[in-house]
Protein backbone atom coordinates (compact mmCIF):
# COMPACT_ATOMS: atom_id res chain seq x y z
CA MET A 1 111.71 7.19 51.56
CA SER A 2 115.10 7.60 49.93
CA LYS A 3 116.75 9.70 52.65
CA ASN A 4 117.49 8.96 56.29
CA GLN A 5 118.80 12.07 58.03
CA ILE A 6 119.11 12.48 61.81
CA GLN A 7 122.19 14.69 61.80
CA ASP A 8 122.78 17.64 64.14
CA ASN A 9 121.05 16.20 67.18
CA LEU A 10 122.12 14.76 70.53
CA PHE A 11 121.66 11.06 69.80
CA VAL A 12 123.97 8.82 71.80
CA GLY A 13 124.95 5.16 71.96
CA SER A 14 125.34 2.43 69.39
CA VAL A 15 123.84 2.37 65.90
CA HIS A 16 123.84 -1.42 65.57
CA HIS A 17 120.07 -1.79 65.87
CA LEU A 18 119.42 1.05 63.44
CA LEU A 19 121.72 -0.34 60.78
CA CYS A 20 121.64 -4.10 61.24
CA SER A 21 118.12 -5.16 62.28
CA ASP A 22 116.34 -7.62 60.01
CA GLY A 23 113.60 -5.15 59.17
CA VAL A 24 115.88 -2.29 58.18
CA LYS A 25 114.96 -0.57 54.93
CA ALA A 26 117.98 0.46 52.93
CA GLU A 27 118.04 4.05 51.69
CA ASN A 28 120.26 5.79 49.16
CA MET A 29 121.27 8.52 51.62
CA LEU A 30 122.20 8.10 55.30
CA ASN A 31 123.33 11.07 57.40
CA LEU A 32 124.10 10.45 61.09
CA GLY A 33 126.64 13.24 61.38
CA ASN A 34 127.13 15.65 64.27
CA ASN A 35 125.64 13.58 67.07
CA SER A 36 127.22 11.79 70.04
CA LEU A 37 126.97 8.27 68.66
CA SER A 38 129.64 5.88 69.90
CA GLY A 39 130.92 2.34 69.80
CA VAL A 40 132.20 0.33 66.87
CA ILE A 41 130.68 0.92 63.45
CA PRO A 42 128.93 -2.41 62.79
CA GLU A 43 129.78 -4.85 60.01
CA CYS A 44 126.42 -5.03 58.26
CA TRP A 45 126.78 -2.68 55.32
CA GLU A 46 125.77 -5.40 52.88
CA LYS A 47 122.22 -4.33 53.84
CA TRP A 48 122.92 -0.84 52.49
CA GLN A 49 124.20 -1.57 49.01
CA SER A 50 121.97 1.09 47.46
CA LEU A 51 123.64 3.93 49.42
CA SER A 52 125.18 6.72 47.39
CA TYR A 53 125.88 9.03 50.36
CA LEU A 54 127.03 8.10 53.88
CA ASN A 55 127.92 10.68 56.52
CA LEU A 56 129.05 9.62 60.01
CA GLU A 57 131.11 12.73 60.74
CA ASN A 58 131.74 14.28 64.15
CA ASN A 59 130.61 11.47 66.43
CA ASN A 60 132.54 9.26 68.85
CA PHE A 61 132.82 6.10 66.77
CA SER A 62 135.85 3.96 67.59
CA GLY A 63 137.47 0.79 66.30
CA GLY A 64 138.30 0.12 62.68
CA ILE A 65 136.63 1.01 59.41
CA PRO A 66 134.23 -1.85 58.61
CA ARG A 67 135.31 -4.13 55.78
CA THR A 68 131.71 -4.47 54.61
CA LEU A 69 131.71 -0.83 53.52
CA GLY A 70 133.32 -2.25 50.40
CA ARG A 71 129.96 -3.82 49.52
CA MET A 72 128.39 -0.43 48.81
CA ARG A 73 129.35 -0.28 45.14
CA LYS A 74 127.10 2.74 44.43
CA ILE A 75 128.57 4.99 47.12
CA GLU A 76 129.75 8.39 45.87
CA SER A 77 130.41 10.24 49.15
CA LEU A 78 131.90 8.60 52.25
CA ILE A 79 132.45 11.04 55.12
CA MET A 80 133.68 9.72 58.48
CA ARG A 81 135.81 12.59 59.69
CA GLY A 82 136.00 13.71 63.31
CA ASN A 83 135.71 10.35 65.06
CA LYS A 84 138.16 8.05 66.87
CA LEU A 85 138.62 5.44 64.18
CA GLN A 86 141.82 3.40 64.29
CA GLY A 87 143.71 0.86 62.25
CA LYS A 88 144.53 0.68 58.56
CA LEU A 89 142.38 1.43 55.55
CA PRO A 90 140.62 -1.86 54.72
CA ALA A 91 141.47 -3.19 51.27
CA SER A 92 137.76 -3.73 50.58
CA LEU A 93 137.40 0.02 50.02
CA MET A 94 139.14 -0.43 46.67
CA ASN A 95 135.82 -1.78 45.39
CA LEU A 96 134.18 1.65 45.70
CA THR A 97 134.95 2.66 42.14
CA ASP A 98 132.20 5.32 42.00
CA LEU A 99 133.54 7.11 45.08
CA GLU A 100 134.08 10.84 44.48
CA ILE A 101 134.54 12.14 48.04
CA LEU A 102 136.54 10.30 50.72
CA ASP A 103 136.95 12.26 53.95
CA LEU A 104 138.52 10.33 56.84
CA SER A 105 140.24 13.31 58.45
CA GLY A 106 140.48 13.84 62.19
CA ASN A 107 140.71 10.20 63.24
CA GLU A 108 143.51 7.95 64.49
CA LEU A 109 144.03 5.88 61.36
CA ALA A 110 147.52 4.49 60.86
CA GLY A 111 149.69 2.49 58.51
CA SER A 112 150.80 3.56 55.06
CA ILE A 113 148.60 5.14 52.42
CA PRO A 114 147.86 2.24 50.05
CA SER A 115 148.48 2.65 46.34
CA TRP A 116 145.00 1.33 45.50
CA VAL A 117 143.61 4.70 46.61
CA GLY A 118 144.80 5.93 43.24
CA THR A 119 144.71 2.81 41.12
CA LYS A 120 141.21 1.64 42.03
CA LEU A 121 139.32 4.74 43.17
CA SER A 122 139.43 6.23 39.70
CA SER A 123 136.45 8.57 40.25
CA LEU A 124 137.99 10.24 43.30
CA ARG A 125 137.81 14.05 43.30
CA LEU A 126 138.44 14.90 46.93
CA LEU A 127 140.74 12.96 49.27
CA ASN A 128 141.09 14.23 52.83
CA LEU A 129 143.23 12.13 55.19
CA ARG A 130 144.54 14.98 57.33
CA SER A 131 145.09 14.70 61.10
CA ASN A 132 145.58 10.96 61.34
CA LYS A 133 148.65 8.84 62.07
CA PHE A 134 149.59 7.66 58.60
CA VAL A 135 153.28 6.84 58.22
CA GLY A 136 155.73 6.07 55.46
CA LYS A 137 156.30 7.83 52.18
CA ILE A 138 153.88 9.32 49.72
CA PRO A 139 153.92 6.73 46.88
CA ARG A 140 156.35 7.82 44.16
CA GLU A 141 158.81 5.90 41.93
CA GLY A 142 157.11 3.03 40.19
CA HIS A 143 153.68 4.42 41.02
CA GLU A 144 153.16 6.76 38.07
CA TYR A 145 149.99 4.81 37.29
CA MET A 146 148.59 5.85 40.66
CA TYR A 147 148.65 9.49 39.65
CA ASN A 148 147.81 8.99 36.00
CA SER A 149 144.60 7.18 36.92
CA ILE A 150 143.19 10.09 38.93
CA LEU A 151 144.76 13.20 37.41
CA GLN A 152 141.69 14.02 35.34
CA LEU A 153 139.43 14.24 38.40
CA MET A 154 141.35 15.09 41.58
CA ARG A 155 140.63 18.60 42.85
CA LEU A 156 141.72 18.50 46.49
CA LEU A 157 144.43 16.43 48.17
CA ASP A 158 145.01 16.87 51.90
CA LEU A 159 147.52 14.61 53.67
CA SER A 160 148.47 17.16 56.32
CA ASN A 161 149.19 16.51 59.99
CA ASN A 162 150.32 12.90 59.68
CA LYS A 163 153.75 11.30 60.04
CA LEU A 164 154.73 11.04 56.40
CA VAL A 165 158.43 11.09 55.52
CA GLY A 166 160.65 11.31 52.46
CA HIS A 167 160.54 13.64 49.48
CA ILE A 168 157.51 15.11 47.77
CA PRO A 169 157.05 12.77 44.79
CA SER A 170 157.45 14.43 41.42
CA GLU A 171 154.49 12.38 40.20
CA LEU A 172 152.20 14.70 42.16
CA THR A 173 152.80 17.31 39.48
CA THR A 174 150.73 15.21 37.05
CA LEU A 175 147.55 15.99 39.03
CA ILE A 176 146.93 18.92 36.73
CA LYS A 177 143.38 19.66 37.95
CA LEU A 178 144.36 20.18 41.59
CA LYS A 179 142.93 23.29 43.22
CA SER A 180 144.23 22.66 46.74
CA LEU A 181 147.28 20.68 47.89
CA ASN A 182 148.13 20.42 51.59
CA LEU A 183 151.11 18.36 52.79
CA SER A 184 151.83 20.46 55.89
CA ARG A 185 152.72 19.16 59.37
CA ASN A 186 154.55 16.02 58.28
CA HIS A 187 158.27 15.15 58.17
CA LEU A 188 158.87 15.65 54.46
CA THR A 189 162.41 16.51 53.34
CA GLY A 190 164.21 17.62 50.21
CA ARG A 191 163.07 20.08 47.57
CA ILE A 192 159.81 21.06 45.95
CA PRO A 193 159.48 19.16 42.63
CA GLU A 194 160.79 21.22 39.72
CA LYS A 195 157.61 20.74 37.68
CA ILE A 196 155.27 22.02 40.40
CA GLY A 197 154.35 24.81 37.98
CA ASP A 198 152.52 22.23 35.86
CA LEU A 199 149.67 22.48 38.39
CA LYS A 200 148.27 25.50 36.57
CA GLU A 201 144.97 25.53 38.47
CA LEU A 202 146.49 25.34 41.96
CA GLU A 203 145.15 28.03 44.29
CA SER A 204 146.06 26.77 47.77
CA PHE A 205 149.46 25.16 48.41
CA ASP A 206 150.63 24.41 51.96
CA LEU A 207 153.97 22.77 52.75
CA SER A 208 154.49 24.41 56.15
CA LEU A 209 155.95 22.64 59.20
CA ASN A 210 157.98 20.06 57.32
CA LYS A 211 161.76 19.83 56.84
CA LEU A 212 161.99 21.02 53.26
CA SER A 213 165.04 22.91 52.02
CA GLY A 214 166.71 24.24 48.90
CA GLU A 215 165.69 26.73 46.25
CA LEU A 216 162.17 27.38 45.05
CA PRO A 217 161.52 25.98 41.56
CA MET A 218 161.37 28.62 38.85
CA SER A 219 158.14 27.05 37.60
CA LEU A 220 156.32 28.45 40.66
CA SER A 221 156.11 31.76 38.82
CA SER A 222 153.60 30.20 36.42
CA LEU A 223 151.05 29.54 39.19
CA ASN A 224 149.03 32.65 38.45
CA TRP A 225 146.05 31.66 40.58
CA LEU A 226 148.02 30.81 43.71
CA SER A 227 146.62 32.77 46.66
CA SER A 228 147.98 30.79 49.62
CA PHE A 229 151.56 29.50 49.79
CA ASN A 230 153.17 28.37 53.05
CA ILE A 231 156.73 27.02 53.01
CA ASN A 232 159.72 26.05 55.17
CA LYS A 233 163.51 26.46 54.95
CA LEU A 234 163.37 27.52 51.32
CA CYS A 235 165.06 30.36 49.50
CA GLY A 236 165.33 32.24 46.24
CA ASP A 237 162.77 34.23 44.26
CA PRO A 238 160.15 35.27 45.21
CA LEU A 239 161.46 35.14 48.80
CA SER A 240 163.30 38.18 50.12
CA GLU A 241 166.20 36.23 51.61
CA PRO A 242 168.74 34.89 49.09
CA CYS A 243 169.86 31.29 49.20
CA SER A 244 173.36 32.22 50.36
CA MET A 245 171.91 33.34 53.68
CA LYS A 246 169.83 30.21 54.25
CA THR A 247 170.85 26.83 55.62
CA PRO A 248 168.93 23.61 55.22
CA TYR A 249 167.32 21.83 58.11
CA THR A 250 169.59 19.81 60.36
CA ASP A 251 168.76 17.07 62.80
CA HIS A 252 169.15 19.58 65.65
CA GLU A 253 166.27 21.63 64.30
CA GLU A 254 163.68 18.90 64.51
CA ASP A 255 160.60 20.15 66.25
CA ASP A 256 159.23 18.73 69.47
CA GLY A 257 155.77 18.23 68.01
CA SER A 258 154.29 21.40 69.44
CA HIS A 259 155.39 23.73 66.60
CA GLY A 260 154.55 26.75 68.77
CA VAL A 261 151.70 29.15 68.05
CA ASP A 262 152.24 31.38 65.04
CA TRP A 263 149.11 33.45 64.62
CA GLY A 264 150.24 34.87 61.31
CA LEU A 265 150.70 31.36 59.96
CA ILE A 266 147.35 30.24 61.34
CA ILE A 267 145.51 33.12 59.71
CA SER A 268 147.33 32.43 56.43
CA VAL A 269 146.55 28.72 56.52
CA VAL A 270 142.89 29.24 57.38
CA SER A 271 142.48 31.89 54.69
CA GLY A 272 144.18 29.65 52.17
CA PHE A 273 141.86 26.78 52.93
CA ILE A 274 138.79 28.96 52.55
CA VAL A 275 139.99 29.98 49.10
CA GLY A 276 140.93 26.41 48.28
CA PHE A 277 137.52 25.06 49.19
CA TRP A 278 135.57 27.86 47.49
CA VAL A 279 137.14 26.95 44.19
CA ILE A 280 135.13 23.75 44.45
CA VAL A 281 131.87 25.73 44.58
CA ALA A 282 131.39 25.50 40.80
CA PRO A 283 131.41 21.67 40.84
CA LEU A 284 129.06 21.82 43.83
CA ILE A 285 126.46 23.55 41.67
CA VAL A 286 126.25 20.58 39.33
CA SER A 287 127.03 17.74 41.74
CA ARG A 288 124.35 17.00 44.32
CA SER A 289 126.59 14.74 46.40
CA TRP A 290 129.30 17.42 46.65
CA ARG A 291 126.75 20.06 47.54
CA ILE A 292 125.26 18.01 50.37
CA ALA A 293 128.60 16.87 51.72
CA TYR A 294 130.46 20.15 51.97
CA PHE A 295 127.93 22.94 52.42
CA ARG A 296 128.22 22.44 56.17
CA PHE A 297 132.00 22.15 55.93
CA LEU A 298 132.31 25.64 54.41
CA SER A 299 130.19 27.03 57.22
CA GLU A 300 132.51 25.45 59.77
CA LEU A 301 135.51 27.04 58.07
CA ARG A 302 133.94 30.47 58.44
CA ASN A 303 133.40 29.77 62.12
CA MET A 304 137.04 28.72 62.49
CA VAL A 305 138.25 32.03 61.02
CA HIS A 306 136.07 33.91 63.50
CA ASP A 307 137.41 31.86 66.43
CA VAL A 308 141.05 32.34 65.44
CA THR A 309 140.77 36.08 64.94
CA HIS A 310 138.82 36.48 68.19
CA LYS A 311 141.51 34.63 70.15
CA MET A 312 144.26 36.62 68.46
CA PHE A 313 142.84 40.03 69.33
CA SER A 314 141.74 39.08 72.84
CA ARG A 315 145.28 38.19 73.90
């Protein structure tokens, strides 16, 4: 058997015996997602070096990301979102050079985003680190190689809902194949890079709930496919309010972390993400690992739209 799938059940407890026993037979696909499994993810992944797909999403795993995951050199999809994982990204993950999908969103991971994510994971197409506790700046000056090494493949980049600071690096504009870019809910400052219009294929672009200011770059007008665009204290065309009437963020305007509830913004963000993810449908048709990994994710997005609209109209 080449597949081991026990997802979408009510299994509880540790997975140590399942993964680490002497008689375990390694598969090339392991899906334990959407259960109630808990405890620390064990350090025995050297037994699973033939894996190309690993899904541990939406469980109650805690502790750090195992270093031995770096032994799985054939892995193409690594999905561990929706757990309680903590700590930094282990450097051993840089060995996963065939990795196309890395989804660690919805955990409690911290530290800075290491540059090897771009320099070593050269096959990466989808990077989702949203809703963690990453800090520091998005790598920029002196890290052009980070972006140049992945610009031919990257389709989705989501670093939203972390604690990132500083300016949006201009090097991001070299990721010319991006379909969806989400940097919302951080503490980013300054202006949108002038060459943002170089991202000709961008369809979903979310910068909301940061501390950005200044005029919109003229190059934005060249983003013909853009269907979702959420911004901050910005001004100029195509916004209705001229720059003379706008003031940049000040320290007194820093939010308290709650951000309030803006239903219009929520609907816009959710709609934008649906569009952003659907533009990946074409690659899903030809990539089995993408198709398996995110078919369920699209279904969950539809459910989220239904929940948001239901709450809005029942108020």
